[in-house]
Amino acid sequence: MEDLRAGLGLLFRAAKTAVDEFPTEKIEEAVKQGARDVGKVFETVGEAIDEKVLGRKKAPPAAPPPTETTENVPPQTPPPPNEEPKS
């Protein structure tokens, strides 16, 4: 029984050491990407429920926010029409 306890202790310590040294950046990015994908699925399911069950239509996509380059530029006005000479 003592050998079993010692063996399990060594296995636990080896597993803990391996986990501590395991690079987690790739796992974190995979989890983040998975969460984004799940969010997209929930959104799609919600839209399908709205459309099929509740009879609501999907809202049109919102206009993109203005970019920094066009934010402070005044809108262009069309040139005045050419006046024909009076005869």
PDB file of N, CA and C in Angstrom:
ATOM      1  N   MET A   1       0.827  -1.194   0.000  1.00  0.00           N
ATOM      2  CA  MET A   1       0.000   0.000   0.000  1.00  0.00           C
ATOM      3  C   MET A   1       0.872   1.260   0.000  1.00  0.00           C
ATOM      4  N   GLU A   2       1.954   1.205   0.718  1.00  0.00           N
ATOM      5  CA  GLU A   2       2.870   2.347   0.782  1.00  0.00           C
ATOM      6  C   GLU A   2       3.482   2.622  -0.584  1.00  0.00           C
ATOM      7  N   ASP A   3       3.788   1.555  -1.331  1.00  0.00           N
ATOM      8  CA  ASP A   3       4.338   1.729  -2.682  1.00  0.00           C
ATOM      9  C   ASP A   3       3.319   2.408  -3.604  1.00  0.00           C
ATOM     10  N   LEU A   4       2.036   2.026  -3.461  1.00  0.00           N
ATOM     11  CA  LEU A   4       0.985   2.646  -4.271  1.00  0.00           C
ATOM     12  C   LEU A   4       0.886   4.131  -3.971  1.00  0.00           C
ATOM     13  N   ARG A   5       0.918   4.478  -2.702  1.00  0.00           N
ATOM     14  CA  ARG A   5       0.848   5.888  -2.308  1.00  0.00           C
ATOM     15  C   ARG A   5       2.041   6.660  -2.862  1.00  0.00           C
ATOM     16  N   ALA A   6       3.228   6.078  -2.758  1.00  0.00           N
ATOM     17  CA  ALA A   6       4.433   6.745  -3.259  1.00  0.00           C
ATOM     18  C   ALA A   6       4.363   6.879  -4.783  1.00  0.00           C
ATOM     19  N   GLY A   7       3.883   5.838  -5.455  1.00  0.00           N
ATOM     20  CA  GLY A   7       3.788   5.876  -6.911  1.00  0.00           C
ATOM     21  C   GLY A   7       2.788   6.931  -7.383  1.00  0.00           C
ATOM     22  N   LEU A   8       1.641   7.001  -6.717  1.00  0.00           N
ATOM     23  CA  LEU A   8       0.646   8.012  -7.070  1.00  0.00           C
ATOM     24  C   LEU A   8       1.167   9.412  -6.795  1.00  0.00           C
ATOM     25  N   GLY A   9       1.905   9.567  -5.720  1.00  0.00           N
ATOM     26  CA  GLY A   9       2.509  10.865  -5.402  1.00  0.00           C
ATOM     27  C   GLY A   9       3.485  11.293  -6.491  1.00  0.00           C
ATOM     28  N   LEU A  10       4.294  10.345  -6.979  1.00  0.00           N
ATOM     29  CA  LEU A  10       5.238  10.655  -8.051  1.00  0.00           C
ATOM     30  C   LEU A  10       4.504  10.995  -9.345  1.00  0.00           C
ATOM     31  N   LEU A  11       3.443  10.248  -9.657  1.00  0.00           N
ATOM     32  CA  LEU A  11       2.664  10.546 -10.860  1.00  0.00           C
ATOM     33  C   LEU A  11       2.025  11.934 -10.772  1.00  0.00           C
ATOM     34  N   PHE A  12       1.493  12.257  -9.614  1.00  0.00           N
ATOM     35  CA  PHE A  12       0.867  13.569  -9.427  1.00  0.00           C
ATOM     36  C   PHE A  12       1.897  14.670  -9.582  1.00  0.00           C
ATOM     37  N   ARG A  13       3.071  14.485  -8.972  1.00  0.00           N
ATOM     38  CA  ARG A  13       4.118  15.496  -9.068  1.00  0.00           C
ATOM     39  C   ARG A  13       4.600  15.652 -10.511  1.00  0.00           C
ATOM     40  N   ALA A  14       4.713  14.536 -11.258  1.00  0.00           N
ATOM     41  CA  ALA A  14       5.138  14.601 -12.657  1.00  0.00           C
ATOM     42  C   ALA A  14       4.076  15.323 -13.498  1.00  0.00           C
ATOM     43  N   ALA A  15       2.811  15.030 -13.242  1.00  0.00           N
ATOM     44  CA  ALA A  15       1.743  15.696 -13.992  1.00  0.00           C
ATOM     45  C   ALA A  15       1.728  17.188 -13.688  1.00  0.00           C
ATOM     46  N   LYS A  16       1.893  17.548 -12.442  1.00  0.00           N
ATOM     47  CA  LYS A  16       1.896  18.971 -12.060  1.00  0.00           C
ATOM     48  C   LYS A  16       3.062  19.697 -12.714  1.00  0.00           C
ATOM     49  N   THR A  17       4.223  19.086 -12.729  1.00  0.00           N
ATOM     50  CA  THR A  17       5.396  19.692 -13.360  1.00  0.00           C
ATOM     51  C   THR A  17       5.174  19.855 -14.863  1.00  0.00           C
ATOM     52  N   ALA A  18       4.591  18.845 -15.493  1.00  0.00           N
ATOM     53  CA  ALA A  18       4.340  18.923 -16.933  1.00  0.00           C
ATOM     54  C   ALA A  18       3.357  20.036 -17.254  1.00  0.00           C
ATOM     55  N   VAL A  19       2.318  20.183 -16.454  1.00  0.00           N
ATOM     56  CA  VAL A  19       1.331  21.235 -16.686  1.00  0.00           C
ATOM     57  C   VAL A  19       1.954  22.601 -16.482  1.00  0.00           C
ATOM     58  N   ASP A  20       2.787  22.752 -15.474  1.00  0.00           N
ATOM     59  CA  ASP A  20       3.434  24.042 -15.208  1.00  0.00           C
ATOM     60  C   ASP A  20       4.360  24.452 -16.348  1.00  0.00           C
ATOM     61  N   GLU A  21       4.979  23.477 -17.018  1.00  0.00           N
ATOM     62  CA  GLU A  21       5.929  23.778 -18.084  1.00  0.00           C
ATOM     63  C   GLU A  21       5.275  23.787 -19.468  1.00  0.00           C
ATOM     64  N   PHE A  22       4.029  23.404 -19.564  1.00  0.00           N
ATOM     65  CA  PHE A  22       3.323  23.317 -20.847  1.00  0.00           C
ATOM     66  C   PHE A  22       2.992  24.716 -21.339  1.00  0.00           C
ATOM     67  N   PRO A  23       3.333  25.044 -22.610  1.00  0.00           N
ATOM     68  CA  PRO A  23       2.990  26.378 -23.130  1.00  0.00           C
ATOM     69  C   PRO A  23       1.471  26.504 -23.301  1.00  0.00           C
ATOM     70  N   THR A  24       0.897  27.527 -22.687  1.00  0.00           N
ATOM     71  CA  THR A  24      -0.555  27.664 -22.698  1.00  0.00           C
ATOM     72  C   THR A  24      -1.052  28.723 -23.675  1.00  0.00           C
ATOM     73  N   GLU A  25      -0.162  29.424 -24.364  1.00  0.00           N
ATOM     74  CA  GLU A  25      -0.593  30.487 -25.267  1.00  0.00           C
ATOM     75  C   GLU A  25      -1.487  29.937 -26.380  1.00  0.00           C
ATOM     76  N   LYS A  26      -1.094  28.811 -26.956  1.00  0.00           N
ATOM     77  CA  LYS A  26      -1.879  28.240 -28.045  1.00  0.00           C
ATOM     78  C   LYS A  26      -3.237  27.758 -27.538  1.00  0.00           C
ATOM     79  N   ILE A  27      -3.248  27.208 -26.345  1.00  0.00           N
ATOM     80  CA  ILE A  27      -4.509  26.740 -25.771  1.00  0.00           C
ATOM     81  C   ILE A  27      -5.418  27.926 -25.490  1.00  0.00           C
ATOM     82  N   GLU A  28      -4.869  28.998 -24.949  1.00  0.00           N
ATOM     83  CA  GLU A  28      -5.676  30.189 -24.666  1.00  0.00           C
ATOM     84  C   GLU A  28      -6.277  30.753 -25.948  1.00  0.00           C
ATOM     85  N   GLU A  29      -5.490  30.822 -27.013  1.00  0.00           N
ATOM     86  CA  GLU A  29      -6.004  31.350 -28.282  1.00  0.00           C
ATOM     87  C   GLU A  29      -7.089  30.435 -28.842  1.00  0.00           C
ATOM     88  N   ALA A  30      -6.910  29.127 -28.704  1.00  0.00           N
ATOM     89  CA  ALA A  30      -7.928  28.185 -29.179  1.00  0.00           C
ATOM     90  C   ALA A  30      -9.223  28.346 -28.388  1.00  0.00           C
ATOM     91  N   VAL A  31      -9.104  28.546 -27.083  1.00  0.00           N
ATOM     92  CA  VAL A  31     -10.299  28.746 -26.257  1.00  0.00           C
ATOM     93  C   VAL A  31     -10.994  30.049 -26.634  1.00  0.00           C
ATOM     94  N   LYS A  32     -10.220  31.110 -26.853  1.00  0.00           N
ATOM     95  CA  LYS A  32     -10.804  32.394 -27.250  1.00  0.00           C
ATOM     96  C   LYS A  32     -11.523  32.271 -28.593  1.00  0.00           C
ATOM     97  N   GLN A  33     -10.878  31.597 -29.558  1.00  0.00           N
ATOM     98  CA  GLN A  33     -11.497  31.421 -30.870  1.00  0.00           C
ATOM     99  C   GLN A  33     -12.762  30.579 -30.755  1.00  0.00           C
ATOM    100  N   GLY A  34     -12.713  29.558 -29.920  1.00  0.00           N
ATOM    101  CA  GLY A  34     -13.897  28.730 -29.696  1.00  0.00           C
ATOM    102  C   GLY A  34     -15.040  29.534 -29.099  1.00  0.00           C
ATOM    103  N   ALA A  35     -14.721  30.418 -28.164  1.00  0.00           N
ATOM    104  CA  ALA A  35     -15.756  31.262 -27.553  1.00  0.00           C
ATOM    105  C   ALA A  35     -16.354  32.210 -28.589  1.00  0.00           C
ATOM    106  N   ARG A  36     -15.517  32.749 -29.479  1.00  0.00           N
ATOM    107  CA  ARG A  36     -16.039  33.620 -30.545  1.00  0.00           C
ATOM    108  C   ARG A  36     -16.967  32.832 -31.469  1.00  0.00           C
ATOM    109  N   ASP A  37     -16.556  31.606 -31.806  1.00  0.00           N
ATOM    110  CA  ASP A  37     -17.383  30.777 -32.685  1.00  0.00           C
ATOM    111  C   ASP A  37     -18.716  30.434 -32.024  1.00  0.00           C
ATOM    112  N   VAL A  38     -18.685  30.123 -30.740  1.00  0.00           N
ATOM    113  CA  VAL A  38     -19.922  29.819 -30.014  1.00  0.00           C
ATOM    114  C   VAL A  38     -20.827  31.053 -29.998  1.00  0.00           C
ATOM    115  N   GLY A  39     -20.252  32.228 -29.818  1.00  0.00           N
ATOM    116  CA  GLY A  39     -21.037  33.462 -29.851  1.00  0.00           C
ATOM    117  C   GLY A  39     -21.717  33.653 -31.198  1.00  0.00           C
ATOM    118  N   LYS A  40     -20.992  33.358 -32.285  1.00  0.00           N
ATOM    119  CA  LYS A  40     -21.583  33.474 -33.619  1.00  0.00           C
ATOM    120  C   LYS A  40     -22.737  32.487 -33.790  1.00  0.00           C
ATOM    121  N   VAL A  41     -22.566  31.275 -33.247  1.00  0.00           N
ATOM    122  CA  VAL A  41     -23.622  30.275 -33.348  1.00  0.00           C
ATOM    123  C   VAL A  41     -24.855  30.739 -32.592  1.00  0.00           C
ATOM    124  N   PHE A  42     -24.681  31.264 -31.379  1.00  0.00           N
ATOM    125  CA  PHE A  42     -25.818  31.767 -30.611  1.00  0.00           C
ATOM    126  C   PHE A  42     -26.526  32.891 -31.363  1.00  0.00           C
ATOM    127  N   GLU A  43     -25.756  33.762 -31.983  1.00  0.00           N
ATOM    128  CA  GLU A  43     -26.353  34.865 -32.743  1.00  0.00           C
ATOM    129  C   GLU A  43     -27.162  34.331 -33.918  1.00  0.00           C
ATOM    130  N   THR A  44     -26.611  33.356 -34.626  1.00  0.00           N
ATOM    131  CA  THR A  44     -27.306  32.773 -35.768  1.00  0.00           C
ATOM    132  C   THR A  44     -28.587  32.070 -35.329  1.00  0.00           C
ATOM    133  N   VAL A  45     -28.506  31.323 -34.245  1.00  0.00           N
ATOM    134  CA  VAL A  45     -29.694  30.633 -33.736  1.00  0.00           C
ATOM    135  C   VAL A  45     -30.744  31.646 -33.295  1.00  0.00           C
ATOM    136  N   GLY A  46     -30.319  32.704 -32.627  1.00  0.00           N
ATOM    137  CA  GLY A  46     -31.254  33.743 -32.208  1.00  0.00           C
ATOM    138  C   GLY A  46     -31.943  34.399 -33.387  1.00  0.00           C
ATOM    139  N   GLU A  47     -31.185  34.672 -34.438  1.00  0.00           N
ATOM    140  CA  GLU A  47     -31.771  35.272 -35.639  1.00  0.00           C
ATOM    141  C   GLU A  47     -32.764  34.320 -36.289  1.00  0.00           C
ATOM    142  N   ALA A  48     -32.435  33.019 -36.313  1.00  0.00           N
ATOM    143  CA  ALA A  48     -33.344  32.041 -36.909  1.00  0.00           C
ATOM    144  C   ALA A  48     -34.632  31.944 -36.104  1.00  0.00           C
ATOM    145  N   ILE A  49     -34.527  31.987 -34.775  1.00  0.00           N
ATOM    146  CA  ILE A  49     -35.717  31.949 -33.930  1.00  0.00           C
ATOM    147  C   ILE A  49     -36.559  33.193 -34.165  1.00  0.00           C
ATOM    148  N   ASP A  50     -35.905  34.353 -34.221  1.00  0.00           N
ATOM    149  CA  ASP A  50     -36.641  35.595 -34.492  1.00  0.00           C
ATOM    150  C   ASP A  50     -37.395  35.505 -35.812  1.00  0.00           C
ATOM    151  N   GLU A  51     -36.729  34.991 -36.829  1.00  0.00           N
ATOM    152  CA  GLU A  51     -37.324  34.975 -38.161  1.00  0.00           C
ATOM    153  C   GLU A  51     -38.395  33.886 -38.298  1.00  0.00           C
ATOM    154  N   LYS A  52     -38.090  32.676 -37.882  1.00  0.00           N
ATOM    155  CA  LYS A  52     -38.994  31.548 -38.114  1.00  0.00           C
ATOM    156  C   LYS A  52     -40.120  31.464 -37.088  1.00  0.00           C
ATOM    157  N   VAL A  53     -39.799  31.690 -35.820  1.00  0.00           N
ATOM    158  CA  VAL A  53     -40.796  31.504 -34.767  1.00  0.00           C
ATOM    159  C   VAL A  53     -41.561  32.784 -34.482  1.00  0.00           C
ATOM    160  N   LEU A  54     -40.845  33.884 -34.351  1.00  0.00           N
ATOM    161  CA  LEU A  54     -41.491  35.134 -33.970  1.00  0.00           C
ATOM    162  C   LEU A  54     -41.908  35.971 -35.175  1.00  0.00           C
ATOM    163  N   GLY A  55     -41.485  35.596 -36.372  1.00  0.00           N
ATOM    164  CA  GLY A  55     -41.891  36.298 -37.576  1.00  0.00           C
ATOM    165  C   GLY A  55     -41.208  37.629 -37.797  1.00  0.00           C
ATOM    166  N   ARG A  56     -40.127  37.884 -37.100  1.00  0.00           N
ATOM    167  CA  ARG A  56     -39.383  39.141 -37.284  1.00  0.00           C
ATOM    168  C   ARG A  56     -38.359  38.965 -38.396  1.00  0.00           C
ATOM    169  N   LYS A  57     -38.136  40.014 -39.117  1.00  0.00           N
ATOM    170  CA  LYS A  57     -37.126  40.000 -40.166  1.00  0.00           C
ATOM    171  C   LYS A  57     -35.792  40.448 -39.595  1.00  0.00           C
ATOM    172  N   LYS A  58     -34.738  39.989 -40.201  1.00  0.00           N
ATOM    173  CA  LYS A  58     -33.390  40.376 -39.779  1.00  0.00           C
ATOM    174  C   LYS A  58     -33.177  41.850 -40.080  1.00  0.00           C
ATOM    175  N   ALA A  59     -32.644  42.580 -39.113  1.00  0.00           N
ATOM    176  CA  ALA A  59     -32.371  44.006 -39.290  1.00  0.00           C
ATOM    177  C   ALA A  59     -31.230  44.175 -40.295  1.00  0.00           C
ATOM    178  N   PRO A  60     -31.297  45.212 -41.127  1.00  0.00           N
ATOM    179  CA  PRO A  60     -30.193  45.443 -42.069  1.00  0.00           C
ATOM    180  C   PRO A  60     -28.928  45.793 -41.297  1.00  0.00           C
ATOM    181  N   PRO A  61     -27.778  45.463 -41.849  1.00  0.00           N
ATOM    182  CA  PRO A  61     -26.533  45.774 -41.137  1.00  0.00           C
ATOM    183  C   PRO A  61     -26.366  47.271 -40.949  1.00  0.00           C
ATOM    184  N   ALA A  62     -25.800  47.633 -39.834  1.00  0.00           N
ATOM    185  CA  ALA A  62     -25.568  49.050 -39.528  1.00  0.00           C
ATOM    186  C   ALA A  62     -24.471  49.596 -40.436  1.00  0.00           C
ATOM    187  N   ALA A  63     -24.539  50.889 -40.688  1.00  0.00           N
ATOM    188  CA  ALA A  63     -23.515  51.540 -41.497  1.00  0.00           C
ATOM    189  C   ALA A  63     -22.192  51.504 -40.747  1.00  0.00           C
ATOM    190  N   PRO A  64     -21.100  51.303 -41.457  1.00  0.00           N
ATOM    191  CA  PRO A  64     -19.807  51.278 -40.766  1.00  0.00           C
ATOM    192  C   PRO A  64     -19.485  52.649 -40.183  1.00  0.00           C
ATOM    193  N   PRO A  65     -18.764  52.670 -39.082  1.00  0.00           N
ATOM    194  CA  PRO A  65     -18.408  53.956 -38.482  1.00  0.00           C
ATOM    195  C   PRO A  65     -17.485  54.728 -39.417  1.00  0.00           C
ATOM    196  N   PRO A  66     -17.521  56.043 -39.351  1.00  0.00           N
ATOM    197  CA  PRO A  66     -16.655  56.838 -40.245  1.00  0.00           C
ATOM    198  C   PRO A  66     -15.194  56.572 -39.922  1.00  0.00           C
ATOM    199  N   THR A  67     -14.402  56.587 -40.959  1.00  0.00           N
ATOM    200  CA  THR A  67     -12.974  56.383 -40.753  1.00  0.00           C
ATOM    201  C   THR A  67     -12.335  57.696 -40.333  1.00  0.00           C
ATOM    202  N   GLU A  68     -11.172  57.603 -39.817  1.00  0.00           N
ATOM    203  CA  GLU A  68     -10.484  58.784 -39.292  1.00  0.00           C
ATOM    204  C   GLU A  68     -10.154  59.774 -40.411  1.00  0.00           C
ATOM    205  N   THR A  69      -9.917  59.273 -41.613  1.00  0.00           N
ATOM    206  CA  THR A  69      -9.526  60.164 -42.703  1.00  0.00           C
ATOM    207  C   THR A  69     -10.700  60.972 -43.227  1.00  0.00           C
ATOM    208  N   THR A  70     -11.928  60.461 -43.122  1.00  0.00           N
ATOM    209  CA  THR A  70     -13.081  61.188 -43.644  1.00  0.00           C
ATOM    210  C   THR A  70     -13.906  61.831 -42.544  1.00  0.00           C
ATOM    211  N   GLU A  71     -13.461  61.708 -41.326  1.00  0.00           N
ATOM    212  CA  GLU A  71     -14.246  62.183 -40.193  1.00  0.00           C
ATOM    213  C   GLU A  71     -14.414  63.692 -40.180  1.00  0.00           C
ATOM    214  N   ASN A  72     -13.371  64.443 -40.449  1.00  0.00           N
ATOM    215  CA  ASN A  72     -13.427  65.903 -40.342  1.00  0.00           C
ATOM    216  C   ASN A  72     -13.444  66.593 -41.703  1.00  0.00           C
ATOM    217  N   VAL A  73     -13.736  65.855 -42.756  1.00  0.00           N
ATOM    218  CA  VAL A  73     -13.773  66.429 -44.093  1.00  0.00           C
ATOM    219  C   VAL A  73     -15.219  66.811 -44.396  1.00  0.00           C
ATOM    220  N   PRO A  74     -15.462  68.083 -44.785  1.00  0.00           N
ATOM    221  CA  PRO A  74     -16.845  68.470 -45.088  1.00  0.00           C
ATOM    222  C   PRO A  74     -17.328  67.762 -46.343  1.00  0.00           C
ATOM    223  N   PRO A  75     -18.625  67.498 -46.436  1.00  0.00           N
ATOM    224  CA  PRO A  75     -19.133  66.827 -47.638  1.00  0.00           C
ATOM    225  C   PRO A  75     -18.977  67.722 -48.858  1.00  0.00           C
ATOM    226  N   GLN A  76     -18.757  67.089 -49.985  1.00  0.00           N
ATOM    227  CA  GLN A  76     -18.585  67.850 -51.227  1.00  0.00           C
ATOM    228  C   GLN A  76     -19.953  68.258 -51.750  1.00  0.00           C
ATOM    229  N   THR A  77     -20.036  69.498 -52.219  1.00  0.00           N
ATOM    230  CA  THR A  77     -21.284  69.973 -52.816  1.00  0.00           C
ATOM    231  C   THR A  77     -21.132  69.908 -54.322  1.00  0.00           C
ATOM    232  N   PRO A  78     -22.203  69.571 -55.018  1.00  0.00           N
ATOM    233  CA  PRO A  78     -22.085  69.487 -56.475  1.00  0.00           C
ATOM    234  C   PRO A  78     -21.870  70.871 -57.069  1.00  0.00           C
ATOM    235  N   PRO A  79     -21.193  70.938 -58.199  1.00  0.00           N
ATOM    236  CA  PRO A  79     -20.967  72.249 -58.831  1.00  0.00           C
ATOM    237  C   PRO A  79     -22.308  72.827 -59.310  1.00  0.00           C
ATOM    238  N   PRO A  80     -22.422  74.143 -59.370  1.00  0.00           N
ATOM    239  CA  PRO A  80     -23.683  74.740 -59.832  1.00  0.00           C
ATOM    240  C   PRO A  80     -23.916  74.392 -61.292  1.00  0.00           C
ATOM    241  N   PRO A  81     -25.177  74.257 -61.681  1.00  0.00           N
ATOM    242  CA  PRO A  81     -25.450  73.921 -63.085  1.00  0.00           C
ATOM    243  C   PRO A  81     -25.014  75.055 -64.000  1.00  0.00           C
ATOM    244  N   ASN A  82     -24.623  74.693 -65.194  1.00  0.00           N
ATOM    245  CA  ASN A  82     -24.210  75.696 -66.184  1.00  0.00           C
ATOM    246  C   ASN A  82     -25.436  76.463 -66.625  1.00  0.00           C
ATOM    247  N   GLU A  83     -25.328  77.777 -66.534  1.00  0.00           N
ATOM    248  CA  GLU A  83     -26.451  78.610 -66.973  1.00  0.00           C
ATOM    249  C   GLU A  83     -26.310  78.861 -68.462  1.00  0.00           C
ATOM    250  N   GLU A  84     -27.409  78.722 -69.155  1.00  0.00           N
ATOM    251  CA  GLU A  84     -27.391  78.983 -70.592  1.00  0.00           C
ATOM    252  C   GLU A  84     -27.503  80.489 -70.826  1.00  0.00           C
ATOM    253  N   PRO A  85     -26.775  80.999 -71.784  1.00  0.00           N
ATOM    254  CA  PRO A  85     -26.879  82.439 -72.057  1.00  0.00           C
ATOM    255  C   PRO A  85     -28.277  82.781 -72.550  1.00  0.00           C
ATOM    256  N   LYS A  86     -28.773  83.934 -72.102  1.00  0.00           N
ATOM    257  CA  LYS A  86     -30.099  84.388 -72.498  1.00  0.00           C
ATOM    258  C   LYS A  86     -29.991  85.081 -73.865  1.00  0.00           C
ATOM    259  N   SER A  87     -30.882  84.759 -74.773  1.00  0.00           N
ATOM    260  CA  SER A  87     -30.818  85.401 -76.077  1.00  0.00           C
ATOM    261  C   SER A  87     -31.946  86.346 -76.292  1.00  0.00           C
TER     262      SER A  87
END
